[in-house]
Amino acid sequence: MLALLCNHPQKEKMQSQNPIIADLVKIANSAAGTMAGMTREAREGARERLREALGGIDFVSREEFETVKAMAQKAREQADALEARLAALEAKSTKK
């Protein structure tokens, strides 16, 4: 914001008349640039630490998960069918 004030044509006269304000604007701009750089470095560092922490964990894709889920569903249905068939055979054999 201070930089915008100094770039304004009417404010240029004020800047040349008051070097303290010009110095304050330079300091503010430098501080803003430094803060932006520090924020960027902190974000990149956090991402790197997160990558390292999660590096040993194995993740599966949604497609792989859905495939295994479908296989488990089919196996469950087959197990239920075999259980019913076994119960029917046992009932038939106890009647004899």
PDB file of N, CA and C in Angstrom:
ATOM      1  N   MET A   1       0.826  -1.178   0.000  1.00  0.00           N
ATOM      2  CA  MET A   1       0.000   0.000   0.000  1.00  0.00           C
ATOM      3  C   MET A   1       0.875   1.247   0.000  1.00  0.00           C
ATOM      4  N   LEU A   2       1.925   1.223   0.815  1.00  0.00           N
ATOM      5  CA  LEU A   2       2.811   2.378   0.849  1.00  0.00           C
ATOM      6  C   LEU A   2       3.502   2.563  -0.487  1.00  0.00           C
ATOM      7  N   ALA A   3       3.802   1.456  -1.152  1.00  0.00           N
ATOM      8  CA  ALA A   3       4.451   1.550  -2.455  1.00  0.00           C
ATOM      9  C   ALA A   3       3.521   2.222  -3.456  1.00  0.00           C
ATOM     10  N   LEU A   4       2.237   1.928  -3.361  1.00  0.00           N
ATOM     11  CA  LEU A   4       1.282   2.547  -4.268  1.00  0.00           C
ATOM     12  C   LEU A   4       1.221   4.054  -4.052  1.00  0.00           C
ATOM     13  N   LEU A   5       1.312   4.455  -2.806  1.00  0.00           N
ATOM     14  CA  LEU A   5       1.281   5.880  -2.503  1.00  0.00           C
ATOM     15  C   LEU A   5       2.481   6.599  -3.112  1.00  0.00           C
ATOM     16  N   CYS A   6       3.629   5.962  -3.071  1.00  0.00           N
ATOM     17  CA  CYS A   6       4.841   6.588  -3.598  1.00  0.00           C
ATOM     18  C   CYS A   6       4.862   6.606  -5.112  1.00  0.00           C
ATOM     19  N   ASN A   7       4.184   5.662  -5.749  1.00  0.00           N
ATOM     20  CA  ASN A   7       4.158   5.616  -7.205  1.00  0.00           C
ATOM     21  C   ASN A   7       3.151   6.592  -7.790  1.00  0.00           C
ATOM     22  N   HIS A   8       2.283   7.107  -6.969  1.00  0.00           N
ATOM     23  CA  HIS A   8       1.289   8.065  -7.420  1.00  0.00           C
ATOM     24  C   HIS A   8       2.007   9.349  -7.829  1.00  0.00           C
ATOM     25  N   PRO A   9       1.660   9.961  -8.985  1.00  0.00           N
ATOM     26  CA  PRO A   9       2.382  11.149  -9.483  1.00  0.00           C
ATOM     27  C   PRO A   9       2.427  12.302  -8.487  1.00  0.00           C
ATOM     28  N   GLN A  10       1.348  12.555  -7.779  1.00  0.00           N
ATOM     29  CA  GLN A  10       1.335  13.655  -6.826  1.00  0.00           C
ATOM     30  C   GLN A  10       2.212  13.351  -5.624  1.00  0.00           C
ATOM     31  N   LYS A  11       2.354  12.102  -5.306  1.00  0.00           N
ATOM     32  CA  LYS A  11       3.140  11.716  -4.134  1.00  0.00           C
ATOM     33  C   LYS A  11       4.631  11.746  -4.412  1.00  0.00           C
ATOM     34  N   GLU A  12       5.028  11.765  -5.719  1.00  0.00           N
ATOM     35  CA  GLU A  12       6.456  11.806  -6.038  1.00  0.00           C
ATOM     36  C   GLU A  12       7.095  13.074  -5.510  1.00  0.00           C
ATOM     37  N   LYS A  13       6.381  14.165  -5.553  1.00  0.00           N
ATOM     38  CA  LYS A  13       6.900  15.413  -4.993  1.00  0.00           C
ATOM     39  C   LYS A  13       7.135  15.249  -3.502  1.00  0.00           C
ATOM     40  N   MET A  14       6.149  14.590  -2.846  1.00  0.00           N
ATOM     41  CA  MET A  14       6.266  14.385  -1.410  1.00  0.00           C
ATOM     42  C   MET A  14       7.451  13.473  -1.106  1.00  0.00           C
ATOM     43  N   GLN A  15       7.653  12.459  -1.960  1.00  0.00           N
ATOM     44  CA  GLN A  15       8.746  11.526  -1.750  1.00  0.00           C
ATOM     45  C   GLN A  15      10.087  12.253  -1.832  1.00  0.00           C
ATOM     46  N   SER A  16      10.234  13.103  -2.811  1.00  0.00           N
ATOM     47  CA  SER A  16      11.501  13.805  -2.946  1.00  0.00           C
ATOM     48  C   SER A  16      11.673  14.843  -1.835  1.00  0.00           C
ATOM     49  N   GLN A  17      10.573  15.355  -1.323  1.00  0.00           N
ATOM     50  CA  GLN A  17      10.654  16.327  -0.248  1.00  0.00           C
ATOM     51  C   GLN A  17      10.914  15.669   1.094  1.00  0.00           C
ATOM     52  N   ASN A  18      10.452  14.413   1.266  1.00  0.00           N
ATOM     53  CA  ASN A  18      10.587  13.753   2.553  1.00  0.00           C
ATOM     54  C   ASN A  18      11.281  12.403   2.365  1.00  0.00           C
ATOM     55  N   PRO A  19      12.598  12.363   2.485  1.00  0.00           N
ATOM     56  CA  PRO A  19      13.331  11.109   2.275  1.00  0.00           C
ATOM     57  C   PRO A  19      13.029  10.059   3.349  1.00  0.00           C
ATOM     58  N   ILE A  20      12.555  10.479   4.501  1.00  0.00           N
ATOM     59  CA  ILE A  20      12.223   9.513   5.566  1.00  0.00           C
ATOM     60  C   ILE A  20      11.060   8.634   5.122  1.00  0.00           C
ATOM     61  N   ILE A  21      10.055   9.249   4.511  1.00  0.00           N
ATOM     62  CA  ILE A  21       8.920   8.470   4.028  1.00  0.00           C
ATOM     63  C   ILE A  21       9.370   7.526   2.925  1.00  0.00           C
ATOM     64  N   ALA A  22      10.219   7.992   2.045  1.00  0.00           N
ATOM     65  CA  ALA A  22      10.734   7.133   0.976  1.00  0.00           C
ATOM     66  C   ALA A  22      11.488   5.951   1.554  1.00  0.00           C
ATOM     67  N   ASP A  23      12.280   6.187   2.591  1.00  0.00           N
ATOM     68  CA  ASP A  23      13.013   5.093   3.243  1.00  0.00           C
ATOM     69  C   ASP A  23      12.053   4.120   3.922  1.00  0.00           C
ATOM     70  N   LEU A  24      11.022   4.645   4.554  1.00  0.00           N
ATOM     71  CA  LEU A  24      10.031   3.773   5.195  1.00  0.00           C
ATOM     72  C   LEU A  24       9.319   2.904   4.165  1.00  0.00           C
ATOM     73  N   VAL A  25       9.019   3.500   3.011  1.00  0.00           N
ATOM     74  CA  VAL A  25       8.372   2.728   1.946  1.00  0.00           C
ATOM     75  C   VAL A  25       9.304   1.630   1.455  1.00  0.00           C
ATOM     76  N   LYS A  26      10.567   1.946   1.277  1.00  0.00           N
ATOM     77  CA  LYS A  26      11.542   0.933   0.847  1.00  0.00           C
ATOM     78  C   LYS A  26      11.637  -0.193   1.867  1.00  0.00           C
ATOM     79  N   ILE A  27      11.654   0.164   3.148  1.00  0.00           N
ATOM     80  CA  ILE A  27      11.724  -0.848   4.210  1.00  0.00           C
ATOM     81  C   ILE A  27      10.469  -1.711   4.206  1.00  0.00           C
ATOM     82  N   ALA A  28       9.301  -1.068   4.061  1.00  0.00           N
ATOM     83  CA  ALA A  28       8.050  -1.825   4.032  1.00  0.00           C
ATOM     84  C   ALA A  28       8.020  -2.782   2.850  1.00  0.00           C
ATOM     85  N   ASN A  29       8.460  -2.313   1.684  1.00  0.00           N
ATOM     86  CA  ASN A  29       8.497  -3.181   0.504  1.00  0.00           C
ATOM     87  C   ASN A  29       9.472  -4.336   0.697  1.00  0.00           C
ATOM     88  N   SER A  30      10.598  -4.059   1.280  1.00  0.00           N
ATOM     89  CA  SER A  30      11.584  -5.115   1.535  1.00  0.00           C
ATOM     90  C   SER A  30      11.026  -6.132   2.528  1.00  0.00           C
ATOM     91  N   ALA A  31      10.358  -5.627   3.560  1.00  0.00           N
ATOM     92  CA  ALA A  31       9.775  -6.533   4.566  1.00  0.00           C
ATOM     93  C   ALA A  31       8.694  -7.403   3.934  1.00  0.00           C
ATOM     94  N   ALA A  32       7.874  -6.819   3.078  1.00  0.00           N
ATOM     95  CA  ALA A  32       6.826  -7.588   2.411  1.00  0.00           C
ATOM     96  C   ALA A  32       7.437  -8.669   1.523  1.00  0.00           C
ATOM     97  N   GLY A  33       8.486  -8.320   0.802  1.00  0.00           N
ATOM     98  CA  GLY A  33       9.157  -9.311  -0.046  1.00  0.00           C
ATOM     99  C   GLY A  33       9.788 -10.422   0.772  1.00  0.00           C
ATOM    100  N   THR A  34      10.380 -10.034   1.890  1.00  0.00           N
ATOM    101  CA  THR A  34      10.997 -11.027   2.774  1.00  0.00           C
ATOM    102  C   THR A  34       9.946 -11.964   3.352  1.00  0.00           C
ATOM    103  N   MET A  35       8.826 -11.402   3.786  1.00  0.00           N
ATOM    104  CA  MET A  35       7.753 -12.234   4.346  1.00  0.00           C
ATOM    105  C   MET A  35       7.201 -13.194   3.293  1.00  0.00           C
ATOM    106  N   ALA A  36       7.043 -12.725   2.068  1.00  0.00           N
ATOM    107  CA  ALA A  36       6.551 -13.598   1.001  1.00  0.00           C
ATOM    108  C   ALA A  36       7.532 -14.736   0.749  1.00  0.00           C
ATOM    109  N   GLY A  37       8.815 -14.418   0.742  1.00  0.00           N
ATOM    110  CA  GLY A  37       9.833 -15.457   0.550  1.00  0.00           C
ATOM    111  C   GLY A  37       9.852 -16.456   1.695  1.00  0.00           C
ATOM    112  N   MET A  38       9.732 -15.953   2.921  1.00  0.00           N
ATOM    113  CA  MET A  38       9.717 -16.843   4.082  1.00  0.00           C
ATOM    114  C   MET A  38       8.495 -17.752   4.055  1.00  0.00           C
ATOM    115  N   THR A  39       7.347 -17.196   3.664  1.00  0.00           N
ATOM    116  CA  THR A  39       6.128 -17.997   3.573  1.00  0.00           C
ATOM    117  C   THR A  39       6.287 -19.097   2.536  1.00  0.00           C
ATOM    118  N   ARG A  40       6.844 -18.754   1.384  1.00  0.00           N
ATOM    119  CA  ARG A  40       7.065 -19.731   0.315  1.00  0.00           C
ATOM    120  C   ARG A  40       8.017 -20.835   0.781  1.00  0.00           C
ATOM    121  N   GLU A  41       9.101 -20.460   1.439  1.00  0.00           N
ATOM    122  CA  GLU A  41      10.062 -21.454   1.937  1.00  0.00           C
ATOM    123  C   GLU A  41       9.434 -22.341   2.996  1.00  0.00           C
ATOM    124  N   ALA A  42       8.638 -21.761   3.889  1.00  0.00           N
ATOM    125  CA  ALA A  42       7.982 -22.559   4.935  1.00  0.00           C
ATOM    126  C   ALA A  42       7.013 -23.558   4.316  1.00  0.00           C
ATOM    127  N   ARG A  43       6.259 -23.119   3.314  1.00  0.00           N
ATOM    128  CA  ARG A  43       5.302 -24.007   2.644  1.00  0.00           C
ATOM    129  C   ARG A  43       6.023 -25.160   1.961  1.00  0.00           C
ATOM    130  N   GLU A  44       7.114 -24.854   1.263  1.00  0.00           N
ATOM    131  CA  GLU A  44       7.878 -25.896   0.572  1.00  0.00           C
ATOM    132  C   GLU A  44       8.513 -26.860   1.569  1.00  0.00           C
ATOM    133  N   GLY A  45       8.999 -26.329   2.689  1.00  0.00           N
ATOM    134  CA  GLY A  45       9.581 -27.189   3.717  1.00  0.00           C
ATOM    135  C   GLY A  45       8.546 -28.115   4.327  1.00  0.00           C
ATOM    136  N   ALA A  46       7.348 -27.585   4.585  1.00  0.00           N
ATOM    137  CA  ALA A  46       6.274 -28.413   5.148  1.00  0.00           C
ATOM    138  C   ALA A  46       5.873 -29.509   4.170  1.00  0.00           C
ATOM    139  N   ARG A  47       5.796 -29.177   2.889  1.00  0.00           N
ATOM    140  CA  ARG A  47       5.457 -30.195   1.885  1.00  0.00           C
ATOM    141  C   ARG A  47       6.513 -31.297   1.849  1.00  0.00           C
ATOM    142  N   GLU A  48       7.766 -30.907   1.921  1.00  0.00           N
ATOM    143  CA  GLU A  48       8.848 -31.892   1.885  1.00  0.00           C
ATOM    144  C   GLU A  48       8.796 -32.802   3.109  1.00  0.00           C
ATOM    145  N   ARG A  49       8.558 -32.231   4.283  1.00  0.00           N
ATOM    146  CA  ARG A  49       8.457 -33.048   5.496  1.00  0.00           C
ATOM    147  C   ARG A  49       7.273 -34.004   5.414  1.00  0.00           C
ATOM    148  N   LEU A  50       6.172 -33.536   4.858  1.00  0.00           N
ATOM    149  CA  LEU A  50       4.993 -34.388   4.699  1.00  0.00           C
ATOM    150  C   LEU A  50       5.285 -35.525   3.726  1.00  0.00           C
ATOM    151  N   ARG A  51       5.974 -35.218   2.625  1.00  0.00           N
ATOM    152  CA  ARG A  51       6.353 -36.279   1.671  1.00  0.00           C
ATOM    153  C   ARG A  51       7.231 -37.324   2.343  1.00  0.00           C
ATOM    154  N   GLU A  52       8.189 -36.885   3.152  1.00  0.00           N
ATOM    155  CA  GLU A  52       9.078 -37.818   3.845  1.00  0.00           C
ATOM    156  C   GLU A  52       8.299 -38.667   4.838  1.00  0.00           C
ATOM    157  N   ALA A  53       7.380 -38.045   5.564  1.00  0.00           N
ATOM    158  CA  ALA A  53       6.598 -38.775   6.566  1.00  0.00           C
ATOM    159  C   ALA A  53       5.687 -39.812   5.922  1.00  0.00           C
ATOM    160  N   LEU A  54       5.121 -39.469   4.777  1.00  0.00           N
ATOM    161  CA  LEU A  54       4.196 -40.378   4.108  1.00  0.00           C
ATOM    162  C   LEU A  54       4.892 -41.308   3.123  1.00  0.00           C
ATOM    163  N   GLY A  55       6.182 -41.144   2.960  1.00  0.00           N
ATOM    164  CA  GLY A  55       6.920 -41.934   1.985  1.00  0.00           C
ATOM    165  C   GLY A  55       6.865 -43.430   2.226  1.00  0.00           C
ATOM    166  N   GLY A  56       6.819 -43.860   3.464  1.00  0.00           N
ATOM    167  CA  GLY A  56       6.813 -45.282   3.767  1.00  0.00           C
ATOM    168  C   GLY A  56       5.435 -45.906   3.748  1.00  0.00           C
ATOM    169  N   ILE A  57       4.413 -45.106   3.564  1.00  0.00           N
ATOM    170  CA  ILE A  57       3.048 -45.626   3.579  1.00  0.00           C
ATOM    171  C   ILE A  57       2.643 -45.992   2.157  1.00  0.00           C
ATOM    172  N   ASP A  58       2.073 -47.174   2.009  1.00  0.00           N
ATOM    173  CA  ASP A  58       1.598 -47.616   0.703  1.00  0.00           C
ATOM    174  C   ASP A  58       0.133 -47.238   0.544  1.00  0.00           C
ATOM    175  N   PHE A  59      -0.157 -46.484  -0.477  1.00  0.00           N
ATOM    176  CA  PHE A  59      -1.528 -46.112  -0.788  1.00  0.00           C
ATOM    177  C   PHE A  59      -1.953 -46.853  -2.036  1.00  0.00           C
ATOM    178  N   VAL A  60      -3.247 -47.127  -2.127  1.00  0.00           N
ATOM    179  CA  VAL A  60      -3.780 -47.749  -3.338  1.00  0.00           C
ATOM    180  C   VAL A  60      -4.646 -46.727  -4.053  1.00  0.00           C
ATOM    181  N   SER A  61      -4.769 -46.911  -5.342  1.00  0.00           N
ATOM    182  CA  SER A  61      -5.615 -46.013  -6.114  1.00  0.00           C
ATOM    183  C   SER A  61      -7.078 -46.371  -5.883  1.00  0.00           C
ATOM    184  N   ARG A  62      -7.953 -45.461  -6.214  1.00  0.00           N
ATOM    185  CA  ARG A  62      -9.397 -45.700  -6.082  1.00  0.00           C
ATOM    186  C   ARG A  62      -9.805 -46.883  -6.943  1.00  0.00           C
ATOM    187  N   GLU A  63      -9.211 -46.997  -8.135  1.00  0.00           N
ATOM    188  CA  GLU A  63      -9.537 -48.103  -9.038  1.00  0.00           C
ATOM    189  C   GLU A  63      -9.151 -49.451  -8.417  1.00  0.00           C
ATOM    190  N   GLU A  64      -7.967 -49.518  -7.826  1.00  0.00           N
ATOM    191  CA  GLU A  64      -7.535 -50.763  -7.173  1.00  0.00           C
ATOM    192  C   GLU A  64      -8.456 -51.101  -6.004  1.00  0.00           C
ATOM    193  N   PHE A  65      -8.816 -50.085  -5.232  1.00  0.00           N
ATOM    194  CA  PHE A  65      -9.706 -50.309  -4.097  1.00  0.00           C
ATOM    195  C   PHE A  65     -11.049 -50.864  -4.550  1.00  0.00           C
ATOM    196  N   GLU A  66     -11.624 -50.245  -5.594  1.00  0.00           N
ATOM    197  CA  GLU A  66     -12.922 -50.693  -6.092  1.00  0.00           C
ATOM    198  C   GLU A  66     -12.841 -52.119  -6.643  1.00  0.00           C
ATOM    199  N   THR A  67     -11.722 -52.473  -7.273  1.00  0.00           N
ATOM    200  CA  THR A  67     -11.538 -53.828  -7.807  1.00  0.00           C
ATOM    201  C   THR A  67     -11.526 -54.849  -6.677  1.00  0.00           C
ATOM    202  N   VAL A  68     -10.767 -54.572  -5.632  1.00  0.00           N
ATOM    203  CA  VAL A  68     -10.689 -55.493  -4.495  1.00  0.00           C
ATOM    204  C   VAL A  68     -12.030 -55.560  -3.766  1.00  0.00           C
ATOM    205  N   LYS A  69     -12.708 -54.434  -3.684  1.00  0.00           N
ATOM    206  CA  LYS A  69     -14.026 -54.404  -3.040  1.00  0.00           C
ATOM    207  C   LYS A  69     -15.010 -55.302  -3.791  1.00  0.00           C
ATOM    208  N   ALA A  70     -14.985 -55.228  -5.141  1.00  0.00           N
ATOM    209  CA  ALA A  70     -15.863 -56.069  -5.957  1.00  0.00           C
ATOM    210  C   ALA A  70     -15.506 -57.545  -5.789  1.00  0.00           C
ATOM    211  N   MET A  71     -14.215 -57.831  -5.703  1.00  0.00           N
ATOM    212  CA  MET A  71     -13.784 -59.224  -5.497  1.00  0.00           C
ATOM    213  C   MET A  71     -14.276 -59.743  -4.147  1.00  0.00           C
ATOM    214  N   ALA A  72     -14.185 -58.930  -3.128  1.00  0.00           N
ATOM    215  CA  ALA A  72     -14.639 -59.333  -1.799  1.00  0.00           C
ATOM    216  C   ALA A  72     -16.150 -59.550  -1.792  1.00  0.00           C
ATOM    217  N   GLN A  73     -16.891 -58.690  -2.483  1.00  0.00           N
ATOM    218  CA  GLN A  73     -18.349 -58.831  -2.573  1.00  0.00           C
ATOM    219  C   GLN A  73     -18.712 -60.159  -3.242  1.00  0.00           C
ATOM    220  N   LYS A  74     -18.016 -60.465  -4.346  1.00  0.00           N
ATOM    221  CA  LYS A  74     -18.281 -61.710  -5.071  1.00  0.00           C
ATOM    222  C   LYS A  74     -17.942 -62.919  -4.193  1.00  0.00           C
ATOM    223  N   ALA A  75     -16.827 -62.856  -3.496  1.00  0.00           N
ATOM    224  CA  ALA A  75     -16.432 -63.961  -2.614  1.00  0.00           C
ATOM    225  C   ALA A  75     -17.457 -64.150  -1.500  1.00  0.00           C
ATOM    226  N   ARG A  76     -17.982 -63.051  -0.973  1.00  0.00           N
ATOM    227  CA  ARG A  76     -19.000 -63.134   0.083  1.00  0.00           C
ATOM    228  C   ARG A  76     -20.263 -63.792  -0.441  1.00  0.00           C
ATOM    229  N   GLU A  77     -20.682 -63.411  -1.651  1.00  0.00           N
ATOM    230  CA  GLU A  77     -21.873 -64.001  -2.258  1.00  0.00           C
ATOM    231  C   GLU A  77     -21.673 -65.496  -2.502  1.00  0.00           C
ATOM    232  N   GLN A  78     -20.495 -65.872  -2.977  1.00  0.00           N
ATOM    233  CA  GLN A  78     -20.204 -67.287  -3.210  1.00  0.00           C
ATOM    234  C   GLN A  78     -20.201 -68.056  -1.891  1.00  0.00           C
ATOM    235  N   ALA A  79     -19.645 -67.475  -0.866  1.00  0.00           N
ATOM    236  CA  ALA A  79     -19.613 -68.141   0.445  1.00  0.00           C
ATOM    237  C   ALA A  79     -21.025 -68.323   0.986  1.00  0.00           C
ATOM    238  N   ASP A  80     -21.871 -67.315   0.816  1.00  0.00           N
ATOM    239  CA  ASP A  80     -23.265 -67.440   1.262  1.00  0.00           C
ATOM    240  C   ASP A  80     -23.993 -68.533   0.488  1.00  0.00           C
ATOM    241  N   ALA A  81     -23.750 -68.594  -0.835  1.00  0.00           N
ATOM    242  CA  ALA A  81     -24.393 -69.624  -1.658  1.00  0.00           C
ATOM    243  C   ALA A  81     -23.917 -71.011  -1.237  1.00  0.00           C
ATOM    244  N   LEU A  82     -22.631 -71.168  -0.998  1.00  0.00           N
ATOM    245  CA  LEU A  82     -22.104 -72.474  -0.564  1.00  0.00           C
ATOM    246  C   LEU A  82     -22.631 -72.856   0.814  1.00  0.00           C
ATOM    247  N   GLU A  83     -22.777 -71.886   1.674  1.00  0.00           N
ATOM    248  CA  GLU A  83     -23.316 -72.147   3.018  1.00  0.00           C
ATOM    249  C   GLU A  83     -24.766 -72.639   2.918  1.00  0.00           C
ATOM    250  N   ALA A  84     -25.556 -72.023   2.068  1.00  0.00           N
ATOM    251  CA  ALA A  84     -26.950 -72.447   1.880  1.00  0.00           C
ATOM    252  C   ALA A  84     -27.006 -73.845   1.264  1.00  0.00           C
ATOM    253  N   ARG A  85     -26.127 -74.077   0.299  1.00  0.00           N
ATOM    254  CA  ARG A  85     -26.087 -75.404  -0.347  1.00  0.00           C
ATOM    255  C   ARG A  85     -25.692 -76.489   0.654  1.00  0.00           C
ATOM    256  N   LEU A  86     -24.700 -76.184   1.499  1.00  0.00           N
ATOM    257  CA  LEU A  86     -24.267 -77.140   2.521  1.00  0.00           C
ATOM    258  C   LEU A  86     -25.387 -77.419   3.522  1.00  0.00           C
ATOM    259  N   ALA A  87     -26.095 -76.372   3.915  1.00  0.00           N
ATOM    260  CA  ALA A  87     -27.210 -76.555   4.848  1.00  0.00           C
ATOM    261  C   ALA A  87     -28.287 -77.433   4.225  1.00  0.00           C
ATOM    262  N   ALA A  88     -28.546 -77.232   2.932  1.00  0.00           N
ATOM    263  CA  ALA A  88     -29.551 -78.052   2.243  1.00  0.00           C
ATOM    264  C   ALA A  88     -29.099 -79.505   2.170  1.00  0.00           C
ATOM    265  N   LEU A  89     -27.832 -79.730   1.866  1.00  0.00           N
ATOM    266  CA  LEU A  89     -27.314 -81.102   1.799  1.00  0.00           C
ATOM    267  C   LEU A  89     -27.347 -81.770   3.181  1.00  0.00           C
ATOM    268  N   GLU A  90     -27.010 -81.028   4.206  1.00  0.00           N
ATOM    269  CA  GLU A  90     -27.049 -81.593   5.568  1.00  0.00           C
ATOM    270  C   GLU A  90     -28.470 -81.928   5.970  1.00  0.00           C
ATOM    271  N   ALA A  91     -29.420 -81.064   5.614  1.00  0.00           N
ATOM    272  CA  ALA A  91     -30.823 -81.340   5.935  1.00  0.00           C
ATOM    273  C   ALA A  91     -31.301 -82.569   5.196  1.00  0.00           C
ATOM    274  N   LYS A  92     -30.882 -82.732   3.962  1.00  0.00           N
ATOM    275  CA  LYS A  92     -31.284 -83.875   3.149  1.00  0.00           C
ATOM    276  C   LYS A  92     -30.689 -85.181   3.718  1.00  0.00           C
ATOM    277  N   SER A  93     -29.440 -85.097   4.177  1.00  0.00           N
ATOM    278  CA  SER A  93     -28.786 -86.315   4.687  1.00  0.00           C
ATOM    279  C   SER A  93     -29.323 -86.720   6.068  1.00  0.00           C
ATOM    280  N   THR A  94     -29.829 -85.807   6.849  1.00  0.00           N
ATOM    281  CA  THR A  94     -30.370 -86.167   8.171  1.00  0.00           C
ATOM    282  C   THR A  94     -31.767 -86.769   8.050  1.00  0.00           C
ATOM    283  N   LYS A  95     -32.484 -86.553   6.932  1.00  0.00           N
ATOM    284  CA  LYS A  95     -33.805 -87.125   6.731  1.00  0.00           C
ATOM    285  C   LYS A  95     -33.729 -88.606   6.435  1.00  0.00           C
ATOM    286  N   LYS A  96     -32.631 -89.073   5.918  1.00  0.00           N
ATOM    287  CA  LYS A  96     -32.507 -90.483   5.544  1.00  0.00           C
ATOM    288  C   LYS A  96     -32.323 -91.345   6.707  1.00  0.00           C
TER     289      LYS A  96
END
